[in-house]
């Protein structure tokens, strides 16, 4: 049973809250791309809206295992994200032939039948919340391009490396 599966029929009685702790495997996260330590804590509320729609609001929290983009050291960072998604039943939309999307359709998720699986939006929020270039510290000095030492821990005696001789005159501004 998927803990993030909402039965739309139950929402006729009122809003429904869900809390779940899910593993990366349960969310079908690509473990080569996204590494989590522990479980993803999800808390959401689903409520029926006018015209058969369903509003799902929630938040998630997880400890992410990342690699520093400069020195390649492993680091762990908490990640939290909030989401607010409106769903409509596919029964209200014709799904044959070409469909011209309108602006309002871009802000709507669709579901078929009596169930909404919100694991997709949780997975999406995790991936979108990942930093593009995670850093172990804001002033990370990275790796020496000549010897490969971590410049945060060790000093190396390597001089500046010039990969393109045309850039050599720029080095005098650095010193």
N, C-alpha and C. Protein backbone atom coordinates (compact mmCIF):
# COMPACT_ATOMS: atom_id res chain seq x y z
N UNK A 1 0.85 -1.19 0.00
CA UNK A 1 0.00 0.00 0.00
C UNK A 1 0.88 1.24 0.00
N UNK A 2 0.61 2.15 -0.89
CA UNK A 2 1.35 3.40 -0.99
C UNK A 2 0.81 4.38 0.06
N UNK A 3 1.65 4.81 1.01
CA UNK A 3 1.16 5.73 2.05
C UNK A 3 0.83 7.12 1.54
N UNK A 4 1.26 7.46 0.34
CA UNK A 4 0.96 8.78 -0.23
C UNK A 4 -0.14 8.70 -1.28
N UNK A 5 -0.99 7.75 -1.14
CA UNK A 5 -2.12 7.58 -2.06
C UNK A 5 -3.38 8.07 -1.36
N UNK A 6 -4.02 9.05 -1.96
CA UNK A 6 -5.20 9.67 -1.37
C UNK A 6 -6.45 9.15 -2.06
N UNK A 7 -7.39 8.65 -1.27
CA UNK A 7 -8.69 8.22 -1.80
C UNK A 7 -9.60 9.45 -1.84
N UNK A 8 -9.91 9.90 -3.04
CA UNK A 8 -10.69 11.13 -3.23
C UNK A 8 -12.08 10.99 -2.62
N UNK A 9 -12.62 9.78 -2.60
CA UNK A 9 -13.96 9.57 -2.04
C UNK A 9 -13.99 9.90 -0.55
N UNK A 10 -12.90 9.66 0.16
CA UNK A 10 -12.86 9.96 1.60
C UNK A 10 -12.88 11.46 1.87
N UNK A 11 -12.53 12.26 0.88
CA UNK A 11 -12.49 13.70 1.08
C UNK A 11 -13.89 14.31 1.10
N UNK A 12 -14.90 13.54 0.72
CA UNK A 12 -16.28 14.03 0.79
C UNK A 12 -16.66 14.32 2.25
N UNK A 13 -16.05 13.60 3.19
CA UNK A 13 -16.32 13.77 4.62
C UNK A 13 -15.53 14.92 5.23
N UNK A 14 -14.57 15.44 4.50
CA UNK A 14 -13.76 16.55 5.01
C UNK A 14 -12.29 16.36 4.67
N UNK A 15 -11.46 17.33 5.03
CA UNK A 15 -10.03 17.24 4.74
C UNK A 15 -9.39 16.02 5.41
N UNK A 16 -8.34 15.55 4.80
CA UNK A 16 -7.63 14.37 5.33
C UNK A 16 -6.15 14.72 5.45
N UNK A 17 -5.56 14.39 6.59
CA UNK A 17 -4.14 14.61 6.81
C UNK A 17 -3.41 13.28 6.75
N UNK A 18 -2.22 13.34 6.20
CA UNK A 18 -1.37 12.15 6.11
C UNK A 18 0.02 12.49 6.63
N UNK A 19 0.62 11.56 7.36
CA UNK A 19 2.01 11.67 7.77
C UNK A 19 2.67 10.36 7.39
N UNK A 20 3.86 10.47 6.83
CA UNK A 20 4.55 9.24 6.41
C UNK A 20 6.05 9.47 6.48
N UNK A 21 6.77 8.41 6.71
CA UNK A 21 8.23 8.39 6.63
C UNK A 21 8.59 7.40 5.54
N UNK A 22 9.15 7.87 4.45
CA UNK A 22 9.38 7.04 3.27
C UNK A 22 10.86 6.93 2.94
N UNK A 23 11.26 5.79 2.44
CA UNK A 23 12.63 5.59 2.01
C UNK A 23 12.77 6.09 0.56
N UNK A 24 14.01 6.26 0.16
CA UNK A 24 14.29 6.68 -1.22
C UNK A 24 13.73 5.66 -2.20
N UNK A 25 13.79 4.41 -1.86
CA UNK A 25 13.28 3.35 -2.73
C UNK A 25 11.76 3.45 -2.89
N UNK A 26 11.06 3.74 -1.80
CA UNK A 26 9.60 3.88 -1.87
C UNK A 26 9.18 5.04 -2.76
N UNK A 27 10.03 6.08 -2.82
CA UNK A 27 9.73 7.24 -3.65
C UNK A 27 10.30 7.11 -5.05
N UNK A 28 10.94 5.99 -5.35
CA UNK A 28 11.57 5.76 -6.65
C UNK A 28 12.58 6.85 -7.00
N UNK A 29 13.34 7.29 -5.99
CA UNK A 29 14.39 8.28 -6.24
C UNK A 29 15.58 7.58 -6.86
N UNK A 30 16.18 8.19 -7.84
CA UNK A 30 17.38 7.66 -8.48
C UNK A 30 18.52 7.81 -7.48
N UNK A 31 18.96 6.70 -6.88
CA UNK A 31 19.98 6.76 -5.84
C UNK A 31 21.33 7.19 -6.37
N UNK A 32 21.55 7.17 -7.67
CA UNK A 32 22.77 7.70 -8.24
C UNK A 32 22.75 9.21 -8.29
N UNK A 33 21.57 9.79 -8.32
CA UNK A 33 21.41 11.23 -8.41
C UNK A 33 21.09 11.85 -7.04
N UNK A 34 20.26 11.18 -6.25
CA UNK A 34 19.78 11.71 -4.99
C UNK A 34 20.04 10.68 -3.89
N UNK A 35 20.81 11.12 -2.88
CA UNK A 35 21.10 10.22 -1.75
C UNK A 35 20.52 10.82 -0.48
N UNK A 36 19.71 10.05 0.20
CA UNK A 36 19.12 10.51 1.45
C UNK A 36 19.60 9.60 2.57
N UNK A 37 19.75 10.19 3.76
CA UNK A 37 20.06 9.37 4.93
C UNK A 37 18.80 9.32 5.78
N UNK A 38 18.36 8.15 6.06
CA UNK A 38 17.12 8.00 6.80
C UNK A 38 15.92 8.05 5.89
N UNK A 39 14.82 8.49 6.48
CA UNK A 39 13.56 8.53 5.74
C UNK A 39 13.15 9.96 5.43
N UNK A 40 12.34 10.08 4.40
CA UNK A 40 11.77 11.37 4.01
C UNK A 40 10.48 11.54 4.82
N UNK A 41 10.44 12.55 5.67
CA UNK A 41 9.24 12.81 6.47
C UNK A 41 8.30 13.70 5.67
N UNK A 42 7.09 13.21 5.45
CA UNK A 42 6.10 13.94 4.66
C UNK A 42 4.85 14.15 5.51
N UNK A 43 4.37 15.37 5.53
CA UNK A 43 3.11 15.69 6.20
C UNK A 43 2.29 16.49 5.21
N UNK A 44 1.08 16.02 4.91
CA UNK A 44 0.25 16.72 3.94
C UNK A 44 -1.21 16.71 4.34
N UNK A 45 -1.94 17.66 3.78
CA UNK A 45 -3.38 17.75 3.98
C UNK A 45 -4.04 17.85 2.61
N UNK A 46 -5.06 17.05 2.41
CA UNK A 46 -5.80 17.05 1.15
C UNK A 46 -7.24 17.44 1.45
N UNK A 47 -7.79 18.32 0.61
CA UNK A 47 -9.18 18.71 0.79
C UNK A 47 -9.85 18.91 -0.56
N UNK A 48 -11.12 18.64 -0.57
CA UNK A 48 -11.93 18.77 -1.78
C UNK A 48 -12.15 20.24 -2.08
N UNK A 49 -12.09 20.60 -3.34
CA UNK A 49 -12.32 21.97 -3.79
C UNK A 49 -13.56 21.97 -4.68
N UNK A 50 -13.94 23.15 -5.09
CA UNK A 50 -15.11 23.25 -5.97
C UNK A 50 -14.80 22.61 -7.32
N UNK A 51 -15.81 22.24 -8.03
CA UNK A 51 -15.73 21.63 -9.37
C UNK A 51 -14.93 20.33 -9.38
N UNK A 52 -14.96 19.58 -8.29
CA UNK A 52 -14.34 18.26 -8.27
C UNK A 52 -12.84 18.24 -8.09
N UNK A 53 -12.23 19.38 -7.87
CA UNK A 53 -10.79 19.44 -7.70
C UNK A 53 -10.36 19.08 -6.28
N UNK A 54 -9.09 18.80 -6.12
CA UNK A 54 -8.53 18.47 -4.82
C UNK A 54 -7.27 19.31 -4.63
N UNK A 55 -7.17 19.97 -3.48
CA UNK A 55 -5.99 20.76 -3.13
C UNK A 55 -5.16 19.94 -2.13
N UNK A 56 -3.88 19.77 -2.45
CA UNK A 56 -2.96 19.05 -1.57
C UNK A 56 -1.86 20.01 -1.16
N UNK A 57 -1.77 20.24 0.15
CA UNK A 57 -0.72 21.09 0.70
C UNK A 57 0.13 20.24 1.63
N UNK A 58 1.42 20.51 1.63
CA UNK A 58 2.25 19.72 2.52
C UNK A 58 3.67 20.22 2.62
N UNK A 59 4.43 19.49 3.40
CA UNK A 59 5.84 19.78 3.57
C UNK A 59 6.59 18.48 3.74
N UNK A 60 7.86 18.54 3.41
CA UNK A 60 8.70 17.37 3.57
C UNK A 60 10.02 17.79 4.18
N UNK A 61 10.65 16.86 4.83
CA UNK A 61 11.95 17.10 5.42
C UNK A 61 12.79 15.85 5.30
N UNK A 62 14.08 16.05 5.00
CA UNK A 62 14.97 14.90 4.82
C UNK A 62 16.40 15.37 4.99
N UNK A 63 17.26 14.50 5.42
CA UNK A 63 18.69 14.77 5.51
C UNK A 63 19.32 14.24 4.22
N UNK A 64 19.94 15.16 3.47
CA UNK A 64 20.53 14.80 2.18
C UNK A 64 22.02 14.52 2.32
N UNK A 65 22.49 13.53 1.61
CA UNK A 65 23.92 13.24 1.52
C UNK A 65 24.40 13.81 0.20
N UNK A 66 25.28 14.80 0.28
CA UNK A 66 25.76 15.50 -0.91
C UNK A 66 27.27 15.42 -1.00
N UNK A 67 27.81 15.84 -2.12
CA UNK A 67 29.24 15.92 -2.33
C UNK A 67 29.58 17.36 -2.68
N UNK A 68 30.57 17.92 -1.98
CA UNK A 68 30.98 19.30 -2.23
C UNK A 68 31.45 19.42 -3.68
N UNK A 69 30.99 20.45 -4.36
CA UNK A 69 31.32 20.64 -5.78
C UNK A 69 32.77 21.09 -5.98
N UNK A 70 33.42 21.58 -4.92
CA UNK A 70 34.81 22.05 -5.07
C UNK A 70 35.84 21.06 -4.56
N UNK A 71 35.62 20.49 -3.37
CA UNK A 71 36.65 19.62 -2.78
C UNK A 71 36.27 18.15 -2.78
N UNK A 72 35.07 17.83 -3.19
CA UNK A 72 34.56 16.46 -3.30
C UNK A 72 34.40 15.73 -1.97
N UNK A 73 34.38 16.48 -0.86
CA UNK A 73 34.13 15.89 0.46
C UNK A 73 32.64 15.60 0.61
N UNK A 74 32.35 14.54 1.34
CA UNK A 74 30.95 14.20 1.62
C UNK A 74 30.41 15.19 2.66
N UNK A 75 29.15 15.57 2.50
CA UNK A 75 28.51 16.45 3.47
C UNK A 75 27.06 16.08 3.60
N UNK A 76 26.49 16.48 4.69
CA UNK A 76 25.09 16.17 4.95
C UNK A 76 24.38 17.50 5.22
N UNK A 77 23.23 17.68 4.60
CA UNK A 77 22.46 18.92 4.75
C UNK A 77 20.98 18.58 4.90
N UNK A 78 20.30 19.29 5.81
CA UNK A 78 18.85 19.11 5.89
C UNK A 78 18.17 19.82 4.72
N UNK A 79 17.12 19.23 4.25
CA UNK A 79 16.36 19.80 3.15
C UNK A 79 14.90 19.83 3.58
N UNK A 80 14.27 20.96 3.44
CA UNK A 80 12.83 21.07 3.68
C UNK A 80 12.20 21.74 2.47
N UNK A 81 11.00 21.34 2.17
CA UNK A 81 10.29 21.92 1.03
C UNK A 81 8.79 21.91 1.34
N UNK A 82 8.12 22.92 0.84
CA UNK A 82 6.67 23.02 0.97
C UNK A 82 6.07 22.92 -0.43
N UNK A 83 4.90 22.34 -0.50
CA UNK A 83 4.23 22.24 -1.79
C UNK A 83 2.75 22.50 -1.65
N UNK A 84 2.15 22.95 -2.73
CA UNK A 84 0.74 23.27 -2.78
C UNK A 84 0.29 22.95 -4.20
N UNK A 85 -0.40 21.84 -4.38
CA UNK A 85 -0.77 21.37 -5.72
C UNK A 85 -2.28 21.20 -5.82
N UNK A 86 -2.82 21.64 -6.93
CA UNK A 86 -4.24 21.46 -7.22
C UNK A 86 -4.37 20.34 -8.25
N UNK A 87 -5.27 19.40 -7.98
CA UNK A 87 -5.50 18.26 -8.88
C UNK A 87 -6.93 18.30 -9.40
N UNK A 88 -7.08 17.88 -10.65
CA UNK A 88 -8.40 17.71 -11.25
C UNK A 88 -8.47 16.31 -11.85
N UNK A 89 -9.68 15.80 -11.90
CA UNK A 89 -9.89 14.50 -12.50
C UNK A 89 -9.77 14.58 -14.02
N UNK A 90 -9.18 13.55 -14.61
CA UNK A 90 -9.11 13.47 -16.07
C UNK A 90 -10.49 13.34 -16.69
N UNK A 91 -11.48 12.96 -15.90
CA UNK A 91 -12.84 12.79 -16.42
C UNK A 91 -13.40 14.12 -16.93
N UNK A 92 -12.87 15.25 -16.44
CA UNK A 92 -13.35 16.56 -16.86
C UNK A 92 -12.66 17.06 -18.13
N UNK A 93 -11.69 16.30 -18.63
CA UNK A 93 -10.91 16.74 -19.79
C UNK A 93 -10.87 15.65 -20.85
N UNK A 94 -11.00 16.06 -22.07
CA UNK A 94 -10.89 15.13 -23.19
C UNK A 94 -9.41 14.84 -23.41
N UNK A 95 -9.06 13.56 -23.44
CA UNK A 95 -7.65 13.18 -23.59
C UNK A 95 -7.39 12.52 -24.93
N UNK A 96 -8.17 12.86 -25.93
CA UNK A 96 -7.94 12.28 -27.25
C UNK A 96 -7.51 13.37 -28.21
N UNK A 97 -6.67 13.02 -29.15
CA UNK A 97 -6.19 13.98 -30.14
C UNK A 97 -5.25 14.98 -29.55
N UNK A 98 -5.08 16.06 -30.26
CA UNK A 98 -4.21 17.13 -29.78
C UNK A 98 -4.96 17.98 -28.76
N UNK A 99 -4.22 18.36 -27.73
CA UNK A 99 -4.82 19.17 -26.68
C UNK A 99 -4.02 20.46 -26.57
N UNK A 100 -4.70 21.58 -26.65
CA UNK A 100 -4.05 22.88 -26.49
C UNK A 100 -4.07 23.23 -25.01
N UNK A 101 -2.89 23.36 -24.43
CA UNK A 101 -2.80 23.71 -23.02
C UNK A 101 -3.04 25.19 -22.84
N UNK A 102 -3.77 25.51 -21.80
CA UNK A 102 -3.98 26.89 -21.43
C UNK A 102 -3.12 27.18 -20.20
N UNK A 103 -2.94 28.44 -19.86
CA UNK A 103 -2.10 28.81 -18.73
C UNK A 103 -2.55 28.13 -17.44
N UNK A 104 -3.84 28.06 -17.22
CA UNK A 104 -4.35 27.45 -15.99
C UNK A 104 -4.04 25.95 -15.94
N UNK A 105 -3.89 25.29 -17.09
CA UNK A 105 -3.58 23.86 -17.11
C UNK A 105 -2.17 23.56 -16.64
N UNK A 106 -1.28 24.54 -16.70
CA UNK A 106 0.10 24.32 -16.30
C UNK A 106 0.26 24.28 -14.79
N UNK A 107 -0.74 24.72 -14.06
CA UNK A 107 -0.69 24.74 -12.61
C UNK A 107 -1.55 23.64 -11.99
N UNK A 108 -1.97 22.69 -12.80
CA UNK A 108 -2.89 21.65 -12.35
C UNK A 108 -2.26 20.29 -12.57
N UNK A 109 -2.39 19.42 -11.56
CA UNK A 109 -2.03 18.02 -11.72
C UNK A 109 -3.31 17.25 -12.02
N UNK A 110 -3.20 16.17 -12.74
CA UNK A 110 -4.38 15.40 -13.10
C UNK A 110 -4.32 14.00 -12.49
N UNK A 111 -5.48 13.47 -12.17
CA UNK A 111 -5.56 12.10 -11.65
C UNK A 111 -6.67 11.35 -12.37
N UNK A 112 -6.53 10.04 -12.40
CA UNK A 112 -7.52 9.16 -13.03
C UNK A 112 -8.11 8.27 -11.96
N UNK A 113 -9.40 8.09 -11.99
CA UNK A 113 -10.07 7.22 -11.04
C UNK A 113 -10.32 7.92 -9.71
N UNK A 114 -10.27 7.14 -8.63
CA UNK A 114 -10.61 7.66 -7.31
C UNK A 114 -9.39 7.92 -6.43
N UNK A 115 -8.19 7.78 -6.97
CA UNK A 115 -6.99 7.91 -6.16
C UNK A 115 -6.00 8.91 -6.75
N UNK A 116 -5.33 9.64 -5.86
CA UNK A 116 -4.25 10.55 -6.25
C UNK A 116 -2.99 10.04 -5.59
N UNK A 117 -1.97 9.81 -6.38
CA UNK A 117 -0.67 9.40 -5.84
C UNK A 117 0.21 10.65 -5.81
N UNK A 118 0.51 11.16 -4.62
CA UNK A 118 1.28 12.39 -4.50
C UNK A 118 2.78 12.13 -4.34
N UNK A 119 3.21 10.89 -4.49
CA UNK A 119 4.65 10.62 -4.40
C UNK A 119 5.41 11.32 -5.52
N UNK A 120 4.75 11.55 -6.66
CA UNK A 120 5.42 12.27 -7.76
C UNK A 120 5.80 13.69 -7.35
N UNK A 121 4.88 14.39 -6.68
CA UNK A 121 5.19 15.77 -6.31
C UNK A 121 6.23 15.81 -5.19
N UNK A 122 6.23 14.82 -4.31
CA UNK A 122 7.26 14.76 -3.26
C UNK A 122 8.63 14.54 -3.89
N UNK A 123 8.70 13.60 -4.81
CA UNK A 123 9.96 13.33 -5.51
C UNK A 123 10.43 14.57 -6.27
N UNK A 124 9.50 15.24 -6.95
CA UNK A 124 9.82 16.45 -7.70
C UNK A 124 10.36 17.54 -6.79
N UNK A 125 9.75 17.73 -5.63
CA UNK A 125 10.19 18.77 -4.70
C UNK A 125 11.59 18.49 -4.15
N UNK A 126 11.89 17.23 -3.92
CA UNK A 126 13.24 16.87 -3.44
C UNK A 126 14.27 17.22 -4.50
N UNK A 127 14.02 16.81 -5.72
CA UNK A 127 14.98 17.06 -6.80
C UNK A 127 15.13 18.56 -7.07
N UNK A 128 14.03 19.31 -7.06
CA UNK A 128 14.09 20.75 -7.32
C UNK A 128 14.76 21.52 -6.18
N UNK A 129 14.75 20.97 -4.97
CA UNK A 129 15.35 21.65 -3.82
C UNK A 129 16.84 21.38 -3.66
N UNK A 130 17.37 20.46 -4.45
CA UNK A 130 18.80 20.19 -4.35
C UNK A 130 19.60 21.39 -4.84
N UNK A 131 20.67 21.75 -4.13
CA UNK A 131 21.49 22.85 -4.62
C UNK A 131 22.23 22.44 -5.89
N UNK A 132 22.42 23.40 -6.80
CA UNK A 132 23.13 23.11 -8.04
C UNK A 132 24.58 22.74 -7.77
N UNK A 133 25.20 23.50 -6.89
CA UNK A 133 26.60 23.25 -6.53
C UNK A 133 26.70 23.25 -5.01
N UNK A 134 26.50 22.11 -4.39
CA UNK A 134 26.60 22.06 -2.92
C UNK A 134 28.04 22.32 -2.47
N UNK A 135 28.18 23.09 -1.41
CA UNK A 135 29.49 23.40 -0.87
C UNK A 135 29.57 22.97 0.59
N UNK A 136 30.71 22.43 0.99
CA UNK A 136 30.90 22.03 2.38
C UNK A 136 30.95 23.26 3.29
N UNK A 137 31.49 24.36 2.78
CA UNK A 137 31.51 25.65 3.45
C UNK A 137 31.55 26.72 2.37
N UNK A 138 31.07 27.88 2.71
CA UNK A 138 30.96 28.95 1.72
C UNK A 138 32.32 29.31 1.11
N UNK A 139 33.37 29.25 1.90
CA UNK A 139 34.70 29.62 1.41
C UNK A 139 35.57 28.40 1.10
N UNK A 140 34.97 27.33 0.66
CA UNK A 140 35.71 26.11 0.31
C UNK A 140 36.76 26.44 -0.75
N UNK A 141 37.99 25.98 -0.50
CA UNK A 141 39.09 26.30 -1.41
C UNK A 141 39.26 25.26 -2.51
N UNK A 142 38.57 24.14 -2.40
CA UNK A 142 38.59 23.14 -3.46
C UNK A 142 39.86 22.31 -3.50
N UNK A 143 40.05 21.66 -4.63
CA UNK A 143 41.21 20.79 -4.86
C UNK A 143 42.27 21.54 -5.66
N UNK A 144 43.53 21.23 -5.38
CA UNK A 144 44.61 21.79 -6.17
C UNK A 144 44.54 21.15 -7.56
N UNK A 145 44.51 21.93 -8.61
CA UNK A 145 44.42 21.35 -9.95
C UNK A 145 45.68 20.63 -10.39
N UNK A 146 46.81 20.89 -9.70
CA UNK A 146 48.06 20.23 -10.08
C UNK A 146 48.27 18.91 -9.35
N UNK A 147 48.14 18.93 -8.01
CA UNK A 147 48.44 17.71 -7.24
C UNK A 147 47.20 17.01 -6.69
N UNK A 148 46.06 17.68 -6.70
CA UNK A 148 44.81 17.05 -6.26
C UNK A 148 44.56 17.10 -4.77
N UNK A 149 45.40 17.79 -4.00
CA UNK A 149 45.19 17.87 -2.55
C UNK A 149 44.00 18.76 -2.24
N UNK A 150 43.35 18.42 -1.14
CA UNK A 150 42.24 19.22 -0.65
C UNK A 150 42.84 20.46 0.00
N UNK A 151 42.63 21.62 -0.57
CA UNK A 151 43.26 22.85 -0.07
C UNK A 151 42.62 23.37 1.22
N UNK A 152 41.53 22.77 1.65
CA UNK A 152 40.95 23.11 2.95
C UNK A 152 41.74 22.47 4.09
N UNK A 153 42.37 21.34 3.83
CA UNK A 153 43.12 20.59 4.85
C UNK A 153 44.63 20.74 4.72
N UNK A 154 45.15 20.76 3.50
CA UNK A 154 46.59 20.75 3.26
C UNK A 154 47.00 21.96 2.42
N UNK A 155 48.21 22.40 2.68
CA UNK A 155 48.82 23.41 1.80
C UNK A 155 49.70 22.65 0.83
N UNK A 156 49.65 23.04 -0.40
CA UNK A 156 50.54 22.42 -1.36
C UNK A 156 51.49 23.49 -1.89
N UNK A 157 52.58 23.06 -2.45
CA UNK A 157 53.58 24.00 -2.95
C UNK A 157 53.47 24.18 -4.47
N UNK A 158 52.39 23.75 -4.99
CA UNK A 158 52.20 23.89 -6.44
C UNK A 158 51.95 25.35 -6.78
N UNK A 159 52.51 25.77 -7.85
CA UNK A 159 52.27 27.13 -8.32
C UNK A 159 50.96 27.19 -9.07
N UNK A 160 50.60 28.37 -9.47
CA UNK A 160 49.36 28.47 -10.26
C UNK A 160 49.49 27.70 -11.57
N UNK A 161 48.45 27.02 -11.91
CA UNK A 161 48.43 26.24 -13.13
C UNK A 161 47.77 27.07 -14.22
N UNK A 162 48.48 27.23 -15.32
CA UNK A 162 47.93 27.96 -16.45
C UNK A 162 47.61 26.95 -17.53
N UNK A 163 46.35 26.81 -17.81
CA UNK A 163 45.97 25.83 -18.82
C UNK A 163 46.09 26.40 -20.23
N UNK A 164 45.94 27.69 -20.35
CA UNK A 164 46.01 28.34 -21.64
C UNK A 164 47.04 29.46 -21.54
N UNK A 165 48.12 29.40 -22.29
CA UNK A 165 49.17 30.41 -22.17
C UNK A 165 48.67 31.83 -22.45
N UNK A 166 47.61 31.98 -23.16
CA UNK A 166 47.08 33.32 -23.42
C UNK A 166 46.54 33.97 -22.15
N UNK A 167 46.22 33.14 -21.14
CA UNK A 167 45.69 33.66 -19.88
C UNK A 167 46.78 33.98 -18.87
N UNK A 168 48.04 33.65 -19.16
CA UNK A 168 49.15 33.87 -18.23
C UNK A 168 49.25 35.32 -17.77
N UNK A 169 49.08 36.34 -18.59
CA UNK A 169 49.17 37.72 -18.10
C UNK A 169 48.14 38.06 -17.02
N UNK A 170 47.05 37.34 -16.98
CA UNK A 170 46.02 37.60 -15.96
C UNK A 170 46.48 37.17 -14.58
N UNK A 171 47.44 36.26 -14.47
CA UNK A 171 47.91 35.77 -13.18
C UNK A 171 48.54 36.88 -12.35
N UNK A 172 49.13 37.89 -12.96
CA UNK A 172 49.77 38.96 -12.20
C UNK A 172 48.73 39.77 -11.41
N UNK A 173 47.48 39.81 -11.85
CA UNK A 173 46.44 40.51 -11.11
C UNK A 173 46.01 39.73 -9.87
N UNK A 174 46.22 38.45 -9.88
CA UNK A 174 45.82 37.58 -8.77
C UNK A 174 46.77 37.75 -7.59
N UNK A 175 48.04 37.99 -7.86
CA UNK A 175 49.04 38.12 -6.79
C UNK A 175 49.18 39.50 -6.34
